[in-house]
Amino acid sequence: MAEKKNSPGATLAGLALAGAGVAHFAKPELFESITEQAFASKSRELIYINGGIETALGLGLAVRKTRKLAIVGAVGYLIYLAGNVARNR
């Protein structure tokens, strides 16, 4: 069986997403206006939760062995966020 090559682009995208996730903890105020669109109440708490999710998904995307599972998780996460935005409009 041939060894699969690691995609530098996917690794970089995963690390960027993980970095954005960590930024939720370092500068949560940057995410308040975005989070309020999807979650009207408890926005600070949800900023931290979303930061944790994005950090985990980003690290999962950065590693070839976990990339497929992280992609499934990311799709589910995006559907969840979009549903909350639509519901709160």
C-alpha atoms as a PDB file:
ATOM      1  CA  MET A   1       0.000   0.000   0.000  1.00  0.00           C
ATOM      2  CA  ALA A   2       1.397   3.402  -0.974  1.00  0.00           C
ATOM      3  CA  GLU A   3       1.995   5.943   1.749  1.00  0.00           C
ATOM      4  CA  LYS A   4      -0.257   8.985   1.497  1.00  0.00           C
ATOM      5  CA  LYS A   5       1.483  12.325   1.217  1.00  0.00           C
ATOM      6  CA  ASN A   6       0.776  15.025   3.736  1.00  0.00           C
ATOM      7  CA  SER A   7      -0.805  18.131   2.255  1.00  0.00           C
ATOM      8  CA  PRO A   8       1.034  21.274   3.361  1.00  0.00           C
ATOM      9  CA  GLY A   9      -2.042  23.353   2.488  1.00  0.00           C
ATOM     10  CA  ALA A  10      -4.330  21.266   4.683  1.00  0.00           C
ATOM     11  CA  THR A  11      -1.800  21.362   7.510  1.00  0.00           C
ATOM     12  CA  LEU A  12      -1.497  25.136   7.236  1.00  0.00           C
ATOM     13  CA  ALA A  13      -5.293  25.565   7.127  1.00  0.00           C
ATOM     14  CA  GLY A  14      -5.654  23.373  10.195  1.00  0.00           C
ATOM     15  CA  LEU A  15      -3.028  25.326  12.100  1.00  0.00           C
ATOM     16  CA  ALA A  16      -4.702  28.594  11.080  1.00  0.00           C
ATOM     17  CA  LEU A  17      -8.053  27.336  12.391  1.00  0.00           C
ATOM     18  CA  ALA A  18      -6.395  26.178  15.609  1.00  0.00           C
ATOM     19  CA  GLY A  19      -4.788  29.607  15.928  1.00  0.00           C
ATOM     20  CA  ALA A  20      -8.170  31.269  15.512  1.00  0.00           C
ATOM     21  CA  GLY A  21      -9.521  28.942  18.178  1.00  0.00           C
ATOM     22  CA  VAL A  22      -6.771  29.908  20.607  1.00  0.00           C
ATOM     23  CA  ALA A  23      -7.448  33.583  19.835  1.00  0.00           C
ATOM     24  CA  HIS A  24     -10.935  33.099  21.315  1.00  0.00           C
ATOM     25  CA  PHE A  25      -9.222  32.700  24.690  1.00  0.00           C
ATOM     26  CA  ALA A  26      -6.557  35.380  24.241  1.00  0.00           C
ATOM     27  CA  LYS A  27      -8.855  38.111  22.872  1.00  0.00           C
ATOM     28  CA  PRO A  28     -12.489  37.019  23.357  1.00  0.00           C
ATOM     29  CA  GLU A  29     -13.781  40.542  22.709  1.00  0.00           C
ATOM     30  CA  LEU A  30     -12.786  40.155  19.049  1.00  0.00           C
ATOM     31  CA  PHE A  31     -15.429  37.441  18.679  1.00  0.00           C
ATOM     32  CA  GLU A  32     -18.326  39.047  20.575  1.00  0.00           C
ATOM     33  CA  SER A  33     -20.130  40.569  17.578  1.00  0.00           C
ATOM     34  CA  ILE A  34     -19.803  37.350  15.577  1.00  0.00           C
ATOM     35  CA  THR A  35     -20.916  35.144  18.461  1.00  0.00           C
ATOM     36  CA  GLU A  36     -23.924  37.329  19.277  1.00  0.00           C
ATOM     37  CA  GLN A  37     -25.273  36.682  15.778  1.00  0.00           C
ATOM     38  CA  ALA A  38     -25.380  32.947  16.399  1.00  0.00           C
ATOM     39  CA  PHE A  39     -25.957  32.890  20.153  1.00  0.00           C
ATOM     40  CA  ALA A  40     -27.976  35.743  21.630  1.00  0.00           C
ATOM     41  CA  SER A  41     -27.299  34.846  25.256  1.00  0.00           C
ATOM     42  CA  LYS A  42     -24.224  33.730  27.190  1.00  0.00           C
ATOM     43  CA  SER A  43     -21.975  34.991  24.429  1.00  0.00           C
ATOM     44  CA  ARG A  44     -18.708  35.031  26.466  1.00  0.00           C
ATOM     45  CA  GLU A  45     -19.201  31.439  27.607  1.00  0.00           C
ATOM     46  CA  LEU A  46     -19.931  30.371  24.050  1.00  0.00           C
ATOM     47  CA  ILE A  47     -16.915  32.256  22.722  1.00  0.00           C
ATOM     48  CA  TYR A  48     -14.757  29.983  24.871  1.00  0.00           C
ATOM     49  CA  ILE A  49     -16.676  26.858  23.852  1.00  0.00           C
ATOM     50  CA  ASN A  50     -16.386  27.752  20.170  1.00  0.00           C
ATOM     51  CA  GLY A  51     -12.689  28.506  20.657  1.00  0.00           C
ATOM     52  CA  GLY A  52     -12.159  25.051  22.104  1.00  0.00           C
ATOM     53  CA  ILE A  53     -14.063  23.429  19.261  1.00  0.00           C
ATOM     54  CA  GLU A  54     -12.147  25.378  16.623  1.00  0.00           C
ATOM     55  CA  THR A  55      -8.819  24.593  18.266  1.00  0.00           C
ATOM     56  CA  ALA A  56      -9.620  20.867  18.338  1.00  0.00           C
ATOM     57  CA  LEU A  57     -10.909  20.837  14.755  1.00  0.00           C
ATOM     58  CA  GLY A  58      -7.889  22.797  13.545  1.00  0.00           C
ATOM     59  CA  LEU A  59      -5.434  20.427  15.179  1.00  0.00           C
ATOM     60  CA  GLY A  60      -7.403  17.502  13.759  1.00  0.00           C
ATOM     61  CA  LEU A  61      -7.181  18.997  10.270  1.00  0.00           C
ATOM     62  CA  ALA A  62      -3.445  19.630  10.650  1.00  0.00           C
ATOM     63  CA  VAL A  63      -2.686  15.941  11.239  1.00  0.00           C
ATOM     64  CA  ARG A  64      -3.140  13.645   8.235  1.00  0.00           C
ATOM     65  CA  LYS A  65      -4.306  10.676  10.339  1.00  0.00           C
ATOM     66  CA  THR A  66      -7.195  12.625  11.877  1.00  0.00           C
ATOM     67  CA  ARG A  67      -8.048  14.862   8.926  1.00  0.00           C
ATOM     68  CA  LYS A  68     -11.063  12.917   7.628  1.00  0.00           C
ATOM     69  CA  LEU A  69     -12.722  12.826  11.034  1.00  0.00           C
ATOM     70  CA  ALA A  70     -11.952  16.527  11.564  1.00  0.00           C
ATOM     71  CA  ILE A  71     -13.535  17.371   8.199  1.00  0.00           C
ATOM     72  CA  VAL A  72     -16.726  15.578   9.238  1.00  0.00           C
ATOM     73  CA  GLY A  73     -16.627  17.456  12.547  1.00  0.00           C
ATOM     74  CA  ALA A  74     -16.047  20.782  10.796  1.00  0.00           C
ATOM     75  CA  VAL A  75     -19.014  20.237   8.485  1.00  0.00           C
ATOM     76  CA  GLY A  76     -21.218  19.429  11.473  1.00  0.00           C
ATOM     77  CA  TYR A  77     -19.917  22.475  13.339  1.00  0.00           C
ATOM     78  CA  LEU A  78     -20.631  24.773  10.367  1.00  0.00           C
ATOM     79  CA  ILE A  79     -24.167  23.398  10.049  1.00  0.00           C
ATOM     80  CA  TYR A  80     -24.690  23.969  13.771  1.00  0.00           C
ATOM     81  CA  LEU A  81     -23.421  27.561  13.565  1.00  0.00           C
ATOM     82  CA  ALA A  82     -25.467  28.343  10.453  1.00  0.00           C
ATOM     83  CA  GLY A  83     -28.601  26.947  12.096  1.00  0.00           C
ATOM     84  CA  ASN A  84     -28.062  29.152  15.142  1.00  0.00           C
ATOM     85  CA  VAL A  85     -27.516  32.259  13.001  1.00  0.00           C
ATOM     86  CA  ALA A  86     -30.697  31.543  11.034  1.00  0.00           C
ATOM     87  CA  ARG A  87     -32.703  30.917  14.204  1.00  0.00           C
ATOM     88  CA  ASN A  88     -31.517  34.129  15.893  1.00  0.00           C
ATOM     89  CA  ARG A  89     -32.230  36.493  12.993  1.00  0.00           C
END
